[in-house]
C-alpha cells in the first residue's frame, strides 16, 4: 500500500511534466489567447 502511495504520485508527476514540456505554447500563441480573452471580456461587460 505504501508503494502505491509513493509511486503513483511520482508517476503522475512525471507524466504531467512530460505533457508540460511538449505542449505547443509559444509566445505568439500566448498573445493570441490574451487577445481572444480581452475580446471576450469586452463582450461580457457590454
PDB file of N, CA and C in Angstrom:
ATOM      1  N   UNK A   1       0.826  -1.193   0.000  1.00  0.00           N
ATOM      2  CA  UNK A   1       0.000   0.000   0.000  1.00  0.00           C
ATOM      3  C   UNK A   1       0.873   1.261   0.000  1.00  0.00           C
ATOM      4  N   UNK A   2       1.930   1.235   0.793  1.00  0.00           N
ATOM      5  CA  UNK A   2       2.830   2.392   0.833  1.00  0.00           C
ATOM      6  C   UNK A   2       3.514   2.613  -0.515  1.00  0.00           C
ATOM      7  N   UNK A   3       3.812   1.527  -1.188  1.00  0.00           N
ATOM      8  CA  UNK A   3       4.454   1.653  -2.504  1.00  0.00           C
ATOM      9  C   UNK A   3       3.530   2.379  -3.471  1.00  0.00           C
ATOM     10  N   UNK A   4       2.249   2.088  -3.409  1.00  0.00           N
ATOM     11  CA  UNK A   4       1.287   2.759  -4.284  1.00  0.00           C
ATOM     12  C   UNK A   4       1.172   4.229  -3.900  1.00  0.00           C
ATOM     13  N   UNK A   5       1.151   4.516  -2.610  1.00  0.00           N
ATOM     14  CA  UNK A   5       1.034   5.897  -2.138  1.00  0.00           C
ATOM     15  C   UNK A   5       2.248   6.742  -2.513  1.00  0.00           C
ATOM     16  N   UNK A   6       3.375   6.101  -2.692  1.00  0.00           N
ATOM     17  CA  UNK A   6       4.592   6.826  -3.063  1.00  0.00           C
ATOM     18  C   UNK A   6       4.771   6.826  -4.583  1.00  0.00           C
ATOM     19  N   UNK A   7       4.585   5.687  -5.216  1.00  0.00           N
ATOM     20  CA  UNK A   7       4.874   5.554  -6.645  1.00  0.00           C
ATOM     21  C   UNK A   7       3.842   6.258  -7.520  1.00  0.00           C
ATOM     22  N   UNK A   8       2.575   6.196  -7.163  1.00  0.00           N
ATOM     23  CA  UNK A   8       1.538   6.780  -8.003  1.00  0.00           C
ATOM     24  C   UNK A   8       1.695   8.293  -8.148  1.00  0.00           C
ATOM     25  N   UNK A   9       1.880   9.052  -7.075  1.00  0.00           N
ATOM     26  CA  UNK A   9       2.090  10.493  -7.268  1.00  0.00           C
ATOM     27  C   UNK A   9       3.359  10.813  -8.062  1.00  0.00           C
ATOM     28  N   UNK A  10       4.413  10.061  -7.853  1.00  0.00           N
ATOM     29  CA  UNK A  10       5.641  10.280  -8.618  1.00  0.00           C
ATOM     30  C   UNK A  10       5.419  10.002 -10.102  1.00  0.00           C
ATOM     31  N   UNK A  11       4.707   8.938 -10.400  1.00  0.00           N
ATOM     32  CA  UNK A  11       4.421   8.597 -11.790  1.00  0.00           C
ATOM     33  C   UNK A  11       3.554   9.666 -12.440  1.00  0.00           C
ATOM     34  N   UNK A  12       2.521  10.097 -11.766  1.00  0.00           N
ATOM     35  CA  UNK A  12       1.639  11.123 -12.308  1.00  0.00           C
ATOM     36  C   UNK A  12       2.361  12.453 -12.468  1.00  0.00           C
ATOM     37  N   UNK A  13       3.254  12.752 -11.559  1.00  0.00           N
ATOM     38  CA  UNK A  13       4.059  13.974 -11.654  1.00  0.00           C
ATOM     39  C   UNK A  13       4.963  13.917 -12.888  1.00  0.00           C
ATOM     40  N   UNK A  14       5.569  12.785 -13.128  1.00  0.00           N
ATOM     41  CA  UNK A  14       6.442  12.627 -14.287  1.00  0.00           C
ATOM     42  C   UNK A  14       5.638  12.746 -15.580  1.00  0.00           C
ATOM     43  N   UNK A  15       4.463  12.157 -15.614  1.00  0.00           N
ATOM     44  CA  UNK A  15       3.610  12.251 -16.804  1.00  0.00           C
ATOM     45  C   UNK A  15       3.195  13.687 -17.062  1.00  0.00           C
ATOM     46  N   UNK A  16       2.809  14.405 -16.020  1.00  0.00           N
ATOM     47  CA  UNK A  16       2.406  15.801 -16.206  1.00  0.00           C
ATOM     48  C   UNK A  16       3.581  16.657 -16.653  1.00  0.00           C
ATOM     49  N   UNK A  17       4.764  16.363 -16.181  1.00  0.00           N
ATOM     50  CA  UNK A  17       5.952  17.097 -16.614  1.00  0.00           C
ATOM     51  C   UNK A  17       6.215  16.873 -18.103  1.00  0.00           C
ATOM     52  N   UNK A  18       6.054  15.645 -18.555  1.00  0.00           N
ATOM     53  CA  UNK A  18       6.248  15.339 -19.978  1.00  0.00           C
ATOM     54  C   UNK A  18       5.229  16.089 -20.819  1.00  0.00           C
ATOM     55  N   UNK A  19       3.954  16.082 -20.402  1.00  0.00           N
ATOM     56  CA  UNK A  19       2.925  16.820 -21.142  1.00  0.00           C
ATOM     57  C   UNK A  19       3.235  18.309 -21.161  1.00  0.00           C
ATOM     58  N   UNK A  20       3.711  18.852 -20.068  1.00  0.00           N
ATOM     59  CA  UNK A  20       4.025  20.273 -19.991  1.00  0.00           C
ATOM     60  C   UNK A  20       5.175  20.640 -20.927  1.00  0.00           C
ATOM     61  N   UNK A  21       6.173  19.815 -20.985  1.00  0.00           N
ATOM     62  CA  UNK A  21       7.332  20.101 -21.829  1.00  0.00           C
ATOM     63  C   UNK A  21       6.995  20.058 -23.315  1.00  0.00           C
ATOM     64  N   UNK A  22       6.071  19.193 -23.688  1.00  0.00           N
ATOM     65  CA  UNK A  22       5.758  19.038 -25.103  1.00  0.00           C
ATOM     66  C   UNK A  22       4.497  19.775 -25.533  1.00  0.00           C
ATOM     67  N   UNK A  23       3.904  20.586 -24.653  1.00  0.00           N
ATOM     68  CA  UNK A  23       2.713  21.346 -25.023  1.00  0.00           C
ATOM     69  C   UNK A  23       3.117  22.492 -25.939  1.00  0.00           C
ATOM     70  N   UNK A  24       2.496  22.608 -27.116  1.00  0.00           N
ATOM     71  CA  UNK A  24       2.928  23.606 -28.110  1.00  0.00           C
ATOM     72  C   UNK A  24       2.408  25.007 -27.797  1.00  0.00           C
ATOM     73  N   UNK A  25       3.045  25.679 -26.871  1.00  0.00           N
ATOM     74  CA  UNK A  25       2.619  27.016 -26.489  1.00  0.00           C
ATOM     75  C   UNK A  25       3.833  27.940 -26.564  1.00  0.00           C
ATOM     76  N   UNK A  26       3.836  28.793 -27.606  1.00  0.00           N
ATOM     77  CA  UNK A  26       4.924  29.742 -27.744  1.00  0.00           C
ATOM     78  C   UNK A  26       4.392  31.154 -27.492  1.00  0.00           C
ATOM     79  N   UNK A  27       5.249  32.123 -27.635  1.00  0.00           N
ATOM     80  CA  UNK A  27       4.872  33.499 -27.316  1.00  0.00           C
ATOM     81  C   UNK A  27       3.752  34.008 -28.228  1.00  0.00           C
ATOM     82  N   UNK A  28       3.815  33.642 -29.503  1.00  0.00           N
ATOM     83  CA  UNK A  28       2.782  34.082 -30.453  1.00  0.00           C
ATOM     84  C   UNK A  28       1.410  33.538 -30.057  1.00  0.00           C
ATOM     85  N   UNK A  29       1.366  32.269 -29.685  1.00  0.00           N
ATOM     86  CA  UNK A  29       0.105  31.649 -29.272  1.00  0.00           C
ATOM     87  C   UNK A  29      -0.414  32.290 -27.984  1.00  0.00           C
ATOM     88  N   UNK A  30       0.481  32.631 -27.060  1.00  0.00           N
ATOM     89  CA  UNK A  30       0.080  33.306 -25.821  1.00  0.00           C
ATOM     90  C   UNK A  30      -0.589  34.643 -26.127  1.00  0.00           C
ATOM     91  N   UNK A  31      -0.031  35.376 -27.075  1.00  0.00           N
ATOM     92  CA  UNK A  31      -0.607  36.665 -27.441  1.00  0.00           C
ATOM     93  C   UNK A  31      -1.980  36.493 -28.087  1.00  0.00           C
ATOM     94  N   UNK A  32      -2.148  35.446 -28.898  1.00  0.00           N
ATOM     95  CA  UNK A  32      -3.449  35.168 -29.497  1.00  0.00           C
ATOM     96  C   UNK A  32      -4.490  34.865 -28.424  1.00  0.00           C
ATOM     97  N   UNK A  33      -4.114  34.085 -27.445  1.00  0.00           N
ATOM     98  CA  UNK A  33      -5.031  33.729 -26.362  1.00  0.00           C
ATOM     99  C   UNK A  33      -5.393  34.961 -25.551  1.00  0.00           C
ATOM    100  N   UNK A  34      -4.416  35.801 -25.242  1.00  0.00           N
ATOM    101  CA  UNK A  34      -4.684  37.028 -24.491  1.00  0.00           C
ATOM    102  C   UNK A  34      -5.630  37.940 -25.248  1.00  0.00           C
ATOM    103  N   UNK A  35      -5.446  38.068 -26.553  1.00  0.00           N
ATOM    104  CA  UNK A  35      -6.326  38.908 -27.363  1.00  0.00           C
ATOM    105  C   UNK A  35      -7.742  38.345 -27.373  1.00  0.00           C
ATOM    106  N   UNK A  36      -7.873  37.051 -27.505  1.00  0.00           N
ATOM    107  CA  UNK A  36      -9.198  36.421 -27.502  1.00  0.00           C
ATOM    108  C   UNK A  36      -9.887  36.605 -26.156  1.00  0.00           C
ATOM    109  N   UNK A  37      -9.143  36.493 -25.078  1.00  0.00           N
ATOM    110  CA  UNK A  37      -9.722  36.699 -23.745  1.00  0.00           C
ATOM    111  C   UNK A  37     -10.139  38.146 -23.535  1.00  0.00           C
ATOM    112  N   UNK A  38      -9.337  39.077 -24.002  1.00  0.00           N
ATOM    113  CA  UNK A  38      -9.675  40.502 -23.879  1.00  0.00           C
ATOM    114  C   UNK A  38     -10.954  40.802 -24.649  1.00  0.00           C
ATOM    115  N   UNK A  39     -11.080  40.245 -25.855  1.00  0.00           N
ATOM    116  CA  UNK A  39     -12.282  40.446 -26.669  1.00  0.00           C
ATOM    117  C   UNK A  39     -13.506  39.844 -25.978  1.00  0.00           C
ATOM    118  N   UNK A  40     -13.338  38.665 -25.430  1.00  0.00           N
ATOM    119  CA  UNK A  40     -14.459  38.024 -24.731  1.00  0.00           C
ATOM    120  C   UNK A  40     -14.886  38.821 -23.508  1.00  0.00           C
ATOM    121  N   UNK A  41     -13.918  39.360 -22.774  1.00  0.00           N
ATOM    122  CA  UNK A  41     -14.238  40.169 -21.599  1.00  0.00           C
ATOM    123  C   UNK A  41     -14.978  41.444 -21.988  1.00  0.00           C
ATOM    124  N   UNK A  42     -14.610  42.051 -23.117  1.00  0.00           N
ATOM    125  CA  UNK A  42     -15.299  43.254 -23.590  1.00  0.00           C
ATOM    126  C   UNK A  42     -16.752  42.925 -23.908  1.00  0.00           C
ATOM    127  N   UNK A  43     -17.000  41.768 -24.549  1.00  0.00           N
ATOM    128  CA  UNK A  43     -18.357  41.375 -24.905  1.00  0.00           C
ATOM    129  C   UNK A  43     -19.195  41.112 -23.644  1.00  0.00           C
ATOM    130  N   UNK A  44     -18.562  40.516 -22.621  1.00  0.00           N
ATOM    131  CA  UNK A  44     -19.287  40.203 -21.403  1.00  0.00           C
ATOM    132  C   UNK A  44     -19.617  41.461 -20.601  1.00  0.00           C
ATOM    133  N   UNK A  45     -18.773  42.488 -20.692  1.00  0.00           N
ATOM    134  CA  UNK A  45     -19.007  43.727 -19.969  1.00  0.00           C
ATOM    135  C   UNK A  45     -20.121  44.546 -20.599  1.00  0.00           C
ATOM    136  N   UNK A  46     -20.327  44.357 -21.883  1.00  0.00           N
ATOM    137  CA  UNK A  46     -21.344  45.146 -22.587  1.00  0.00           C
ATOM    138  C   UNK A  46     -22.739  44.663 -22.302  1.00  0.00           C
TER     139      UNK A  46
END
